[in-house]
Amino acid sequence: AKTYSSVLYSSSDLTKGTTYYIYSGGSYSGGSETDGLYTGGT
């Protein structure tokens, strides 16, 4: 909701030994948004 320069993220979806990619910007289509968290879309 504000200007930011760091994000801490944790969930059970982060799996040991897996490589992930961090993206900034872009857009989100479909799904829903609650308090800045997008789900169910692309």
PDB file of all heavy atoms in Angstrom:
ATOM      1  N   ALA A   1       0.808  -1.217   0.000  1.00  0.00           N
ATOM      2  CA  ALA A   1       0.000   0.000   0.000  1.00  0.00           C
ATOM      3  C   ALA A   1       0.839   1.264   0.000  1.00  0.00           C
ATOM      4  O   ALA A   1       0.301   2.364  -0.173  1.00  0.00           O
ATOM      5  CB  ALA A   1      -0.931   0.000   1.213  1.00  0.00           C
ATOM      6  N   LYS A   2       2.157   1.116   0.221  1.00  0.00           N
ATOM      7  CA  LYS A   2       3.043   2.278   0.288  1.00  0.00           C
ATOM      8  C   LYS A   2       4.285   2.014  -0.558  1.00  0.00           C
ATOM      9  O   LYS A   2       4.527   0.884  -1.004  1.00  0.00           O
ATOM     10  CB  LYS A   2       3.487   2.545   1.732  1.00  0.00           C
ATOM     11  CG  LYS A   2       2.375   2.695   2.738  1.00  0.00           C
ATOM     12  CD  LYS A   2       2.966   2.813   4.139  1.00  0.00           C
ATOM     13  CE  LYS A   2       1.904   2.819   5.211  1.00  0.00           C
ATOM     14  NZ  LYS A   2       2.508   2.878   6.565  1.00  0.00           N
ATOM     15  N   THR A   3       5.072   3.068  -0.742  1.00  0.00           N
ATOM     16  CA  THR A   3       6.387   2.889  -1.346  1.00  0.00           C
ATOM     17  C   THR A   3       7.190   1.911  -0.503  1.00  0.00           C
ATOM     18  O   THR A   3       7.167   1.969   0.727  1.00  0.00           O
ATOM     19  CB  THR A   3       7.123   4.238  -1.423  1.00  0.00           C
ATOM     20  OG1 THR A   3       6.362   5.123  -2.241  1.00  0.00           O
ATOM     21  CG2 THR A   3       8.511   4.081  -2.023  1.00  0.00           C
ATOM     22  N   TYR A   4       7.915   0.979  -1.168  1.00  0.00           N
ATOM     23  CA  TYR A   4       8.633  -0.056  -0.428  1.00  0.00           C
ATOM     24  C   TYR A   4       9.941  -0.386  -1.137  1.00  0.00           C
ATOM     25  O   TYR A   4      10.104  -0.138  -2.335  1.00  0.00           O
ATOM     26  CB  TYR A   4       7.776  -1.316  -0.318  1.00  0.00           C
ATOM     27  CG  TYR A   4       7.508  -2.013  -1.636  1.00  0.00           C
ATOM     28  CD1 TYR A   4       8.238  -3.126  -2.045  1.00  0.00           C
ATOM     29  CD2 TYR A   4       6.499  -1.552  -2.497  1.00  0.00           C
ATOM     30  CE1 TYR A   4       7.987  -3.763  -3.261  1.00  0.00           C
ATOM     31  CE2 TYR A   4       6.238  -2.181  -3.702  1.00  0.00           C
ATOM     32  CZ  TYR A   4       6.977  -3.281  -4.091  1.00  0.00           C
ATOM     33  OH  TYR A   4       6.723  -3.911  -5.287  1.00  0.00           O
ATOM     34  N   SER A   5      10.880  -0.947  -0.401  1.00  0.00           N
ATOM     35  CA  SER A   5      12.140  -1.401  -1.002  1.00  0.00           C
ATOM     36  C   SER A   5      12.595  -2.731  -0.413  1.00  0.00           C
ATOM     37  O   SER A   5      13.703  -3.175  -0.675  1.00  0.00           O
ATOM     38  CB  SER A   5      13.236  -0.333  -0.835  1.00  0.00           C
ATOM     39  OG  SER A   5      13.338   0.087   0.508  1.00  0.00           O
ATOM     40  N   SER A   6      11.748  -3.370   0.390  1.00  0.00           N
ATOM     41  CA  SER A   6      12.028  -4.731   0.868  1.00  0.00           C
ATOM     42  C   SER A   6      10.714  -5.447   1.115  1.00  0.00           C
ATOM     43  O   SER A   6       9.707  -4.822   1.460  1.00  0.00           O
ATOM     44  CB  SER A   6      12.872  -4.717   2.150  1.00  0.00           C
ATOM     45  OG  SER A   6      12.113  -4.238   3.247  1.00  0.00           O
ATOM     46  N   VAL A   7      10.745  -6.758   0.919  1.00  0.00           N
ATOM     47  CA  VAL A   7       9.582  -7.595   1.195  1.00  0.00           C
ATOM     48  C   VAL A   7      10.064  -8.893   1.840  1.00  0.00           C
ATOM     49  O   VAL A   7      10.963  -9.557   1.312  1.00  0.00           O
ATOM     50  CB  VAL A   7       8.775  -7.926  -0.080  1.00  0.00           C
ATOM     51  CG1 VAL A   7       7.624  -8.874   0.250  1.00  0.00           C
ATOM     52  CG2 VAL A   7       8.237  -6.661  -0.737  1.00  0.00           C
ATOM     53  N   LEU A   8       9.465  -9.243   2.979  1.00  0.00           N
ATOM     54  CA  LEU A   8       9.676 -10.550   3.596  1.00  0.00           C
ATOM     55  C   LEU A   8       8.467 -11.409   3.270  1.00  0.00           C
ATOM     56  O   LEU A   8       7.323 -11.025   3.540  1.00  0.00           O
ATOM     57  CB  LEU A   8       9.836 -10.419   5.110  1.00  0.00           C
ATOM     58  CG  LEU A   8       9.890 -11.746   5.891  1.00  0.00           C
ATOM     59  CD1 LEU A   8      11.134 -12.542   5.522  1.00  0.00           C
ATOM     60  CD2 LEU A   8       9.841 -11.489   7.395  1.00  0.00           C
ATOM     61  N   TYR A   9       8.716 -12.575   2.686  1.00  0.00           N
ATOM     62  CA  TYR A   9       7.630 -13.487   2.319  1.00  0.00           C
ATOM     63  C   TYR A   9       7.907 -14.872   2.884  1.00  0.00           C
ATOM     64  O   TYR A   9       9.027 -15.381   2.808  1.00  0.00           O
ATOM     65  CB  TYR A   9       7.500 -13.586   0.799  1.00  0.00           C
ATOM     66  CG  TYR A   9       6.609 -14.714   0.328  1.00  0.00           C
ATOM     67  CD1 TYR A   9       5.243 -14.680   0.556  1.00  0.00           C
ATOM     68  CD2 TYR A   9       7.144 -15.824  -0.327  1.00  0.00           C
ATOM     69  CE1 TYR A   9       4.418 -15.713   0.136  1.00  0.00           C
ATOM     70  CE2 TYR A   9       6.329 -16.874  -0.761  1.00  0.00           C
ATOM     71  CZ  TYR A   9       4.965 -16.809  -0.525  1.00  0.00           C
ATOM     72  OH  TYR A   9       4.156 -17.841  -0.935  1.00  0.00           O
ATOM     73  N   SER A  10       6.877 -15.474   3.457  1.00  0.00           N
ATOM     74  CA  SER A  10       6.983 -16.848   3.938  1.00  0.00           C
ATOM     75  C   SER A  10       5.634 -17.530   3.818  1.00  0.00           C
ATOM     76  O   SER A  10       4.592 -16.934   4.115  1.00  0.00           O
ATOM     77  CB  SER A  10       7.447 -16.889   5.392  1.00  0.00           C
ATOM     78  OG  SER A  10       7.495 -18.231   5.863  1.00  0.00           O
ATOM     79  N   SER A  11       5.670 -18.769   3.358  1.00  0.00           N
ATOM     80  CA  SER A  11       4.484 -19.616   3.369  1.00  0.00           C
ATOM     81  C   SER A  11       4.940 -21.057   3.237  1.00  0.00           C
ATOM     82  O   SER A  11       6.106 -21.333   2.927  1.00  0.00           O
ATOM     83  CB  SER A  11       3.520 -19.257   2.234  1.00  0.00           C
ATOM     84  OG  SER A  11       3.925 -19.839   1.014  1.00  0.00           O
ATOM     85  N   SER A  12       4.023 -21.970   3.414  1.00  0.00           N
ATOM     86  CA  SER A  12       4.353 -23.385   3.288  1.00  0.00           C
ATOM     87  C   SER A  12       4.634 -23.768   1.835  1.00  0.00           C
ATOM     88  O   SER A  12       5.120 -24.877   1.573  1.00  0.00           O
ATOM     89  CB  SER A  12       3.206 -24.233   3.841  1.00  0.00           C
ATOM     90  OG  SER A  12       1.994 -23.957   3.150  1.00  0.00           O
ATOM     91  N   ASP A  13       4.345 -22.845   0.883  1.00  0.00           N
ATOM     92  CA  ASP A  13       4.588 -23.138  -0.540  1.00  0.00           C
ATOM     93  C   ASP A  13       6.062 -23.058  -0.911  1.00  0.00           C
ATOM     94  O   ASP A  13       6.469 -23.594  -1.953  1.00  0.00           O
ATOM     95  CB  ASP A  13       3.801 -22.167  -1.419  1.00  0.00           C
ATOM     96  CG  ASP A  13       2.299 -22.373  -1.298  1.00  0.00           C
ATOM     97  OD1 ASP A  13       1.886 -23.495  -0.955  1.00  0.00           O
ATOM     98  OD2 ASP A  13       1.545 -21.414  -1.532  1.00  0.00           O
ATOM     99  N   LEU A  14       6.873 -22.356  -0.116  1.00  0.00           N
ATOM    100  CA  LEU A  14       8.309 -22.279  -0.409  1.00  0.00           C
ATOM    101  C   LEU A  14       8.967 -23.617  -0.062  1.00  0.00           C
ATOM    102  O   LEU A  14       8.984 -24.020   1.111  1.00  0.00           O
ATOM    103  CB  LEU A  14       8.964 -21.156   0.403  1.00  0.00           C
ATOM    104  CG  LEU A  14       8.856 -19.732  -0.143  1.00  0.00           C
ATOM    105  CD1 LEU A  14       9.459 -18.742   0.849  1.00  0.00           C
ATOM    106  CD2 LEU A  14       9.553 -19.616  -1.488  1.00  0.00           C
ATOM    107  N   THR A  15       9.508 -24.271  -1.081  1.00  0.00           N
ATOM    108  CA  THR A  15      10.024 -25.634  -0.908  1.00  0.00           C
ATOM    109  C   THR A  15      11.545 -25.661  -0.999  1.00  0.00           C
ATOM    110  O   THR A  15      12.139 -25.070  -1.910  1.00  0.00           O
ATOM    111  CB  THR A  15       9.437 -26.557  -1.990  1.00  0.00           C
ATOM    112  OG1 THR A  15       8.005 -26.480  -1.946  1.00  0.00           O
ATOM    113  CG2 THR A  15       9.877 -27.999  -1.771  1.00  0.00           C
ATOM    114  N   LYS A  16      12.153 -26.358  -0.086  1.00  0.00           N
ATOM    115  CA  LYS A  16      13.609 -26.482  -0.076  1.00  0.00           C
ATOM    116  C   LYS A  16      14.096 -27.171  -1.356  1.00  0.00           C
ATOM    117  O   LYS A  16      13.523 -28.150  -1.823  1.00  0.00           O
ATOM    118  CB  LYS A  16      14.060 -27.268   1.150  1.00  0.00           C
ATOM    119  CG  LYS A  16      15.572 -27.307   1.340  1.00  0.00           C
ATOM    120  CD  LYS A  16      15.943 -27.997   2.641  1.00  0.00           C
ATOM    121  CE  LYS A  16      17.454 -28.010   2.843  1.00  0.00           C
ATOM    122  NZ  LYS A  16      17.843 -28.675   4.109  1.00  0.00           N
ATOM    123  N   GLY A  17      15.171 -26.633  -1.924  1.00  0.00           N
ATOM    124  CA  GLY A  17      15.761 -27.187  -3.132  1.00  0.00           C
ATOM    125  C   GLY A  17      15.163 -26.670  -4.414  1.00  0.00           C
ATOM    126  O   GLY A  17      15.644 -27.012  -5.505  1.00  0.00           O
ATOM    127  N   THR A  18      14.138 -25.848  -4.335  1.00  0.00           N
ATOM    128  CA  THR A  18      13.468 -25.313  -5.524  1.00  0.00           C
ATOM    129  C   THR A  18      13.978 -23.919  -5.826  1.00  0.00           C
ATOM    130  O   THR A  18      14.246 -23.126  -4.917  1.00  0.00           O
ATOM    131  CB  THR A  18      11.947 -25.282  -5.313  1.00  0.00           C
ATOM    132  OG1 THR A  18      11.490 -26.603  -5.019  1.00  0.00           O
ATOM    133  CG2 THR A  18      11.228 -24.754  -6.546  1.00  0.00           C
ATOM    134  N   THR A  19      14.093 -23.609  -7.102  1.00  0.00           N
ATOM    135  CA  THR A  19      14.513 -22.281  -7.544  1.00  0.00           C
ATOM    136  C   THR A  19      13.288 -21.449  -7.890  1.00  0.00           C
ATOM    137  O   THR A  19      12.358 -21.928  -8.563  1.00  0.00           O
ATOM    138  CB  THR A  19      15.441 -22.369  -8.767  1.00  0.00           C
ATOM    139  OG1 THR A  19      16.614 -23.113  -8.402  1.00  0.00           O
ATOM    140  CG2 THR A  19      15.853 -20.988  -9.249  1.00  0.00           C
ATOM    141  N   TYR A  20      13.282 -20.214  -7.422  1.00  0.00           N
ATOM    142  CA  TYR A  20      12.173 -19.294  -7.660  1.00  0.00           C
ATOM    143  C   TYR A  20      12.686 -18.010  -8.290  1.00  0.00           C
ATOM    144  O   TYR A  20      13.872 -17.668  -8.181  1.00  0.00           O
ATOM    145  CB  TYR A  20      11.450 -18.983  -6.342  1.00  0.00           C
ATOM    146  CG  TYR A  20      10.841 -20.208  -5.697  1.00  0.00           C
ATOM    147  CD1 TYR A  20      11.499 -20.875  -4.666  1.00  0.00           C
ATOM    148  CD2 TYR A  20       9.610 -20.680  -6.107  1.00  0.00           C
ATOM    149  CE1 TYR A  20      10.938 -22.000  -4.066  1.00  0.00           C
ATOM    150  CE2 TYR A  20       9.038 -21.810  -5.512  1.00  0.00           C
ATOM    151  CZ  TYR A  20       9.715 -22.459  -4.501  1.00  0.00           C
ATOM    152  OH  TYR A  20       9.161 -23.565  -3.919  1.00  0.00           O
ATOM    153  N   TYR A  21      11.761 -17.268  -8.889  1.00  0.00           N
ATOM    154  CA  TYR A  21      12.103 -16.061  -9.626  1.00  0.00           C
ATOM    155  C   TYR A  21      11.271 -14.894  -9.085  1.00  0.00           C
ATOM    156  O   TYR A  21      10.058 -15.027  -8.876  1.00  0.00           O
ATOM    157  CB  TYR A  21      11.862 -16.260 -11.122  1.00  0.00           C
ATOM    158  CG  TYR A  21      12.680 -17.401 -11.681  1.00  0.00           C
ATOM    159  CD1 TYR A  21      12.212 -18.719 -11.599  1.00  0.00           C
ATOM    160  CD2 TYR A  21      13.930 -17.171 -12.232  1.00  0.00           C
ATOM    161  CE1 TYR A  21      12.968 -19.780 -12.071  1.00  0.00           C
ATOM    162  CE2 TYR A  21      14.703 -18.228 -12.711  1.00  0.00           C
ATOM    163  CZ  TYR A  21      14.220 -19.528 -12.620  1.00  0.00           C
ATOM    164  OH  TYR A  21      14.981 -20.573 -13.081  1.00  0.00           O
ATOM    165  N   ILE A  22      11.956 -13.782  -8.889  1.00  0.00           N
ATOM    166  CA  ILE A  22      11.317 -12.583  -8.328  1.00  0.00           C
ATOM    167  C   ILE A  22      11.072 -11.593  -9.453  1.00  0.00           C
ATOM    168  O   ILE A  22      11.989 -11.241 -10.208  1.00  0.00           O
ATOM    169  CB  ILE A  22      12.205 -11.943  -7.246  1.00  0.00           C
ATOM    170  CG1 ILE A  22      12.486 -12.950  -6.123  1.00  0.00           C
ATOM    171  CG2 ILE A  22      11.551 -10.686  -6.684  1.00  0.00           C
ATOM    172  CD1 ILE A  22      13.595 -12.507  -5.180  1.00  0.00           C
ATOM    173  N   TYR A  23       9.815 -11.116  -9.546  1.00  0.00           N
ATOM    174  CA  TYR A  23       9.447 -10.141 -10.566  1.00  0.00           C
ATOM    175  C   TYR A  23       8.905  -8.883  -9.899  1.00  0.00           C
ATOM    176  O   TYR A  23       8.320  -8.924  -8.812  1.00  0.00           O
ATOM    177  CB  TYR A  23       8.398 -10.720 -11.513  1.00  0.00           C
ATOM    178  CG  TYR A  23       8.943 -11.747 -12.471  1.00  0.00           C
ATOM    179  CD1 TYR A  23       9.081 -13.080 -12.079  1.00  0.00           C
ATOM    180  CD2 TYR A  23       9.319 -11.385 -13.759  1.00  0.00           C
ATOM    181  CE1 TYR A  23       9.586 -14.036 -12.940  1.00  0.00           C
ATOM    182  CE2 TYR A  23       9.831 -12.341 -14.644  1.00  0.00           C
ATOM    183  CZ  TYR A  23       9.956 -13.657 -14.225  1.00  0.00           C
ATOM    184  OH  TYR A  23      10.465 -14.595 -15.091  1.00  0.00           O
ATOM    185  N   SER A  24       9.085  -7.792 -10.610  1.00  0.00           N
ATOM    186  CA  SER A  24       8.600  -6.491 -10.144  1.00  0.00           C
ATOM    187  C   SER A  24       7.809  -5.839 -11.264  1.00  0.00           C
ATOM    188  O   SER A  24       8.178  -5.925 -12.441  1.00  0.00           O
ATOM    189  CB  SER A  24       9.775  -5.605  -9.741  1.00  0.00           C
ATOM    190  OG  SER A  24       9.336  -4.348  -9.314  1.00  0.00           O
ATOM    191  N   GLY A  25       6.715  -5.165 -10.884  1.00  0.00           N
ATOM    192  CA  GLY A  25       5.879  -4.520 -11.882  1.00  0.00           C
ATOM    193  C   GLY A  25       4.910  -5.498 -12.510  1.00  0.00           C
ATOM    194  O   GLY A  25       4.516  -6.494 -11.905  1.00  0.00           O
ATOM    195  N   GLY A  26       4.540  -5.260 -13.770  1.00  0.00           N
ATOM    196  CA  GLY A  26       3.605  -6.131 -14.457  1.00  0.00           C
ATOM    197  C   GLY A  26       2.170  -5.854 -14.054  1.00  0.00           C
ATOM    198  O   GLY A  26       1.833  -4.812 -13.470  1.00  0.00           O
ATOM    199  N   SER A  27       1.303  -6.819 -14.374  1.00  0.00           N
ATOM    200  CA  SER A  27      -0.125  -6.645 -14.100  1.00  0.00           C
ATOM    201  C   SER A  27      -0.740  -7.983 -13.705  1.00  0.00           C
ATOM    202  O   SER A  27      -0.129  -9.038 -13.869  1.00  0.00           O
ATOM    203  CB  SER A  27      -0.841  -6.080 -15.325  1.00  0.00           C
ATOM    204  OG  SER A  27      -0.714  -6.977 -16.426  1.00  0.00           O
ATOM    205  N   TYR A  28      -1.967  -7.909 -13.212  1.00  0.00           N
ATOM    206  CA  TYR A  28      -2.677  -9.108 -12.776  1.00  0.00           C
ATOM    207  C   TYR A  28      -4.082  -9.068 -13.359  1.00  0.00           C
ATOM    208  O   TYR A  28      -4.783  -8.054 -13.267  1.00  0.00           O
ATOM    209  CB  TYR A  28      -2.741  -9.156 -11.244  1.00  0.00           C
ATOM    210  CG  TYR A  28      -3.008 -10.527 -10.676  1.00  0.00           C
ATOM    211  CD1 TYR A  28      -1.960 -11.378 -10.374  1.00  0.00           C
ATOM    212  CD2 TYR A  28      -4.306 -10.975 -10.438  1.00  0.00           C
ATOM    213  CE1 TYR A  28      -2.185 -12.640  -9.846  1.00  0.00           C
ATOM    214  CE2 TYR A  28      -4.544 -12.234  -9.905  1.00  0.00           C
ATOM    215  CZ  TYR A  28      -3.474 -13.066  -9.618  1.00  0.00           C
ATOM    216  OH  TYR A  28      -3.695 -14.316  -9.094  1.00  0.00           O
ATOM    217  N   SER A  29      -4.505 -10.159 -13.954  1.00  0.00           N
ATOM    218  CA  SER A  29      -5.834 -10.212 -14.564  1.00  0.00           C
ATOM    219  C   SER A  29      -6.628 -11.366 -13.982  1.00  0.00           C
ATOM    220  O   SER A  29      -6.079 -12.427 -13.645  1.00  0.00           O
ATOM    221  CB  SER A  29      -5.728 -10.379 -16.087  1.00  0.00           C
ATOM    222  OG  SER A  29      -5.026 -11.573 -16.421  1.00  0.00           O
ATOM    223  N   GLY A  30      -7.940 -11.155 -13.876  1.00  0.00           N
ATOM    224  CA  GLY A  30      -8.793 -12.181 -13.293  1.00  0.00           C
ATOM    225  C   GLY A  30      -8.583 -12.292 -11.801  1.00  0.00           C
ATOM    226  O   GLY A  30      -7.806 -11.559 -11.190  1.00  0.00           O
ATOM    227  N   GLY A  31      -9.267 -13.222 -11.189  1.00  0.00           N
ATOM    228  CA  GLY A  31      -9.074 -13.461  -9.762  1.00  0.00           C
ATOM    229  C   GLY A  31      -9.605 -12.327  -8.902  1.00  0.00           C
ATOM    230  O   GLY A  31     -10.491 -11.556  -9.287  1.00  0.00           O
ATOM    231  N   SER A  32      -9.036 -12.205  -7.716  1.00  0.00           N
ATOM    232  CA  SER A  32      -9.494 -11.198  -6.761  1.00  0.00           C
ATOM    233  C   SER A  32      -8.311 -10.629  -5.995  1.00  0.00           C
ATOM    234  O   SER A  32      -7.214 -11.200  -5.994  1.00  0.00           O
ATOM    235  CB  SER A  32     -10.503 -11.809  -5.787  1.00  0.00           C
ATOM    236  OG  SER A  32      -9.916 -12.859  -5.038  1.00  0.00           O
ATOM    237  N   GLU A  33      -8.555  -9.503  -5.334  1.00  0.00           N
ATOM    238  CA  GLU A  33      -7.508  -8.837  -4.553  1.00  0.00           C
ATOM    239  C   GLU A  33      -8.069  -8.462  -3.187  1.00  0.00           C
ATOM    240  O   GLU A  33      -9.172  -7.913  -3.086  1.00  0.00           O
ATOM    241  CB  GLU A  33      -7.023  -7.592  -5.284  1.00  0.00           C
ATOM    242  CG  GLU A  33      -5.978  -6.776  -4.526  1.00  0.00           C
ATOM    243  CD  GLU A  33      -6.602  -5.681  -3.647  1.00  0.00           C
ATOM    244  OE1 GLU A  33      -7.710  -5.219  -3.989  1.00  0.00           O
ATOM    245  OE2 GLU A  33      -5.991  -5.309  -2.621  1.00  0.00           O
ATOM    246  N   THR A  34      -7.336  -8.788  -2.138  1.00  0.00           N
ATOM    247  CA  THR A  34      -7.697  -8.404  -0.775  1.00  0.00           C
ATOM    248  C   THR A  34      -6.473  -7.857  -0.075  1.00  0.00           C
ATOM    249  O   THR A  34      -5.461  -8.562   0.070  1.00  0.00           O
ATOM    250  CB  THR A  34      -8.241  -9.615   0.020  1.00  0.00           C
ATOM    251  OG1 THR A  34      -9.385 -10.151  -0.638  1.00  0.00           O
ATOM    252  CG2 THR A  34      -8.628  -9.188   1.435  1.00  0.00           C
ATOM    253  N   ASP A  35      -6.531  -6.589   0.285  1.00  0.00           N
ATOM    254  CA  ASP A  35      -5.430  -5.947   1.010  1.00  0.00           C
ATOM    255  C   ASP A  35      -4.100  -6.070   0.274  1.00  0.00           C
ATOM    256  O   ASP A  35      -3.037  -6.263   0.878  1.00  0.00           O
ATOM    257  CB  ASP A  35      -5.301  -6.522   2.420  1.00  0.00           C
ATOM    258  CG  ASP A  35      -6.542  -6.270   3.258  1.00  0.00           C
ATOM    259  OD1 ASP A  35      -7.169  -5.213   3.066  1.00  0.00           O
ATOM    260  OD2 ASP A  35      -6.898  -7.127   4.085  1.00  0.00           O
ATOM    261  N   GLY A  36      -4.172  -5.991  -1.052  1.00  0.00           N
ATOM    262  CA  GLY A  36      -2.963  -6.041  -1.864  1.00  0.00           C
ATOM    263  C   GLY A  36      -2.524  -7.429  -2.264  1.00  0.00           C
ATOM    264  O   GLY A  36      -1.594  -7.578  -3.065  1.00  0.00           O
ATOM    265  N   LEU A  37      -3.162  -8.465  -1.731  1.00  0.00           N
ATOM    266  CA  LEU A  37      -2.812  -9.848  -2.063  1.00  0.00           C
ATOM    267  C   LEU A  37      -3.749 -10.365  -3.152  1.00  0.00           C
ATOM    268  O   LEU A  37      -4.972 -10.417  -2.973  1.00  0.00           O
ATOM    269  CB  LEU A  37      -2.904 -10.720  -0.817  1.00  0.00           C
ATOM    270  CG  LEU A  37      -2.530 -12.195  -0.985  1.00  0.00           C
ATOM    271  CD1 LEU A  37      -1.071 -12.335  -1.435  1.00  0.00           C
ATOM    272  CD2 LEU A  37      -2.751 -12.943   0.333  1.00  0.00           C
ATOM    273  N   TYR A  38      -3.170 -10.764  -4.296  1.00  0.00           N
ATOM    274  CA  TYR A  38      -3.942 -11.225  -5.445  1.00  0.00           C
ATOM    275  C   TYR A  38      -4.006 -12.750  -5.462  1.00  0.00           C
ATOM    276  O   TYR A  38      -2.999 -13.431  -5.225  1.00  0.00           O
ATOM    277  CB  TYR A  38      -3.305 -10.742  -6.746  1.00  0.00           C
ATOM    278  CG  TYR A  38      -3.443  -9.252  -6.988  1.00  0.00           C
ATOM    279  CD1 TYR A  38      -2.559  -8.350  -6.394  1.00  0.00           C
ATOM    280  CD2 TYR A  38      -4.448  -8.754  -7.811  1.00  0.00           C
ATOM    281  CE1 TYR A  38      -2.678  -6.985  -6.616  1.00  0.00           C
ATOM    282  CE2 TYR A  38      -4.572  -7.386  -8.048  1.00  0.00           C
ATOM    283  CZ  TYR A  38      -3.690  -6.512  -7.445  1.00  0.00           C
ATOM    284  OH  TYR A  38      -3.816  -5.162  -7.670  1.00  0.00           O
ATOM    285  N   THR A  39      -5.180 -13.275  -5.772  1.00  0.00           N
ATOM    286  CA  THR A  39      -5.350 -14.728  -5.860  1.00  0.00           C
ATOM    287  C   THR A  39      -6.327 -15.064  -6.991  1.00  0.00           C
ATOM    288  O   THR A  39      -7.193 -14.265  -7.343  1.00  0.00           O
ATOM    289  CB  THR A  39      -5.897 -15.318  -4.543  1.00  0.00           C
ATOM    290  OG1 THR A  39      -7.129 -14.666  -4.214  1.00  0.00           O
ATOM    291  CG2 THR A  39      -4.914 -15.141  -3.410  1.00  0.00           C
ATOM    292  N   GLY A  40      -6.141 -16.265  -7.541  1.00  0.00           N
ATOM    293  CA  GLY A  40      -7.115 -16.806  -8.479  1.00  0.00           C
ATOM    294  C   GLY A  40      -7.010 -16.320  -9.907  1.00  0.00           C
ATOM    295  O   GLY A  40      -7.833 -16.698 -10.753  1.00  0.00           O
ATOM    296  N   GLY A  41      -6.017 -15.473 -10.231  1.00  0.00           N
ATOM    297  CA  GLY A  41      -5.884 -14.947 -11.572  1.00  0.00           C
ATOM    298  C   GLY A  41      -4.513 -15.221 -12.157  1.00  0.00           C
ATOM    299  O   GLY A  41      -3.831 -16.177 -11.769  1.00  0.00           O
ATOM    300  N   THR A  42      -4.092 -14.345 -13.072  1.00  0.00           N
ATOM    301  CA  THR A  42      -2.841 -14.554 -13.789  1.00  0.00           C
ATOM    302  C   THR A  42      -1.964 -13.317 -13.717  1.00  0.00           C
ATOM    303  O   THR A  42      -2.420 -12.200 -13.995  1.00  0.00           O
ATOM    304  CB  THR A  42      -3.099 -14.888 -15.266  1.00  0.00           C
ATOM    305  OG1 THR A  42      -3.930 -16.054 -15.340  1.00  0.00           O
ATOM    306  CG2 THR A  42      -1.798 -15.151 -16.001  1.00  0.00           C
TER     307      THR A  42
END
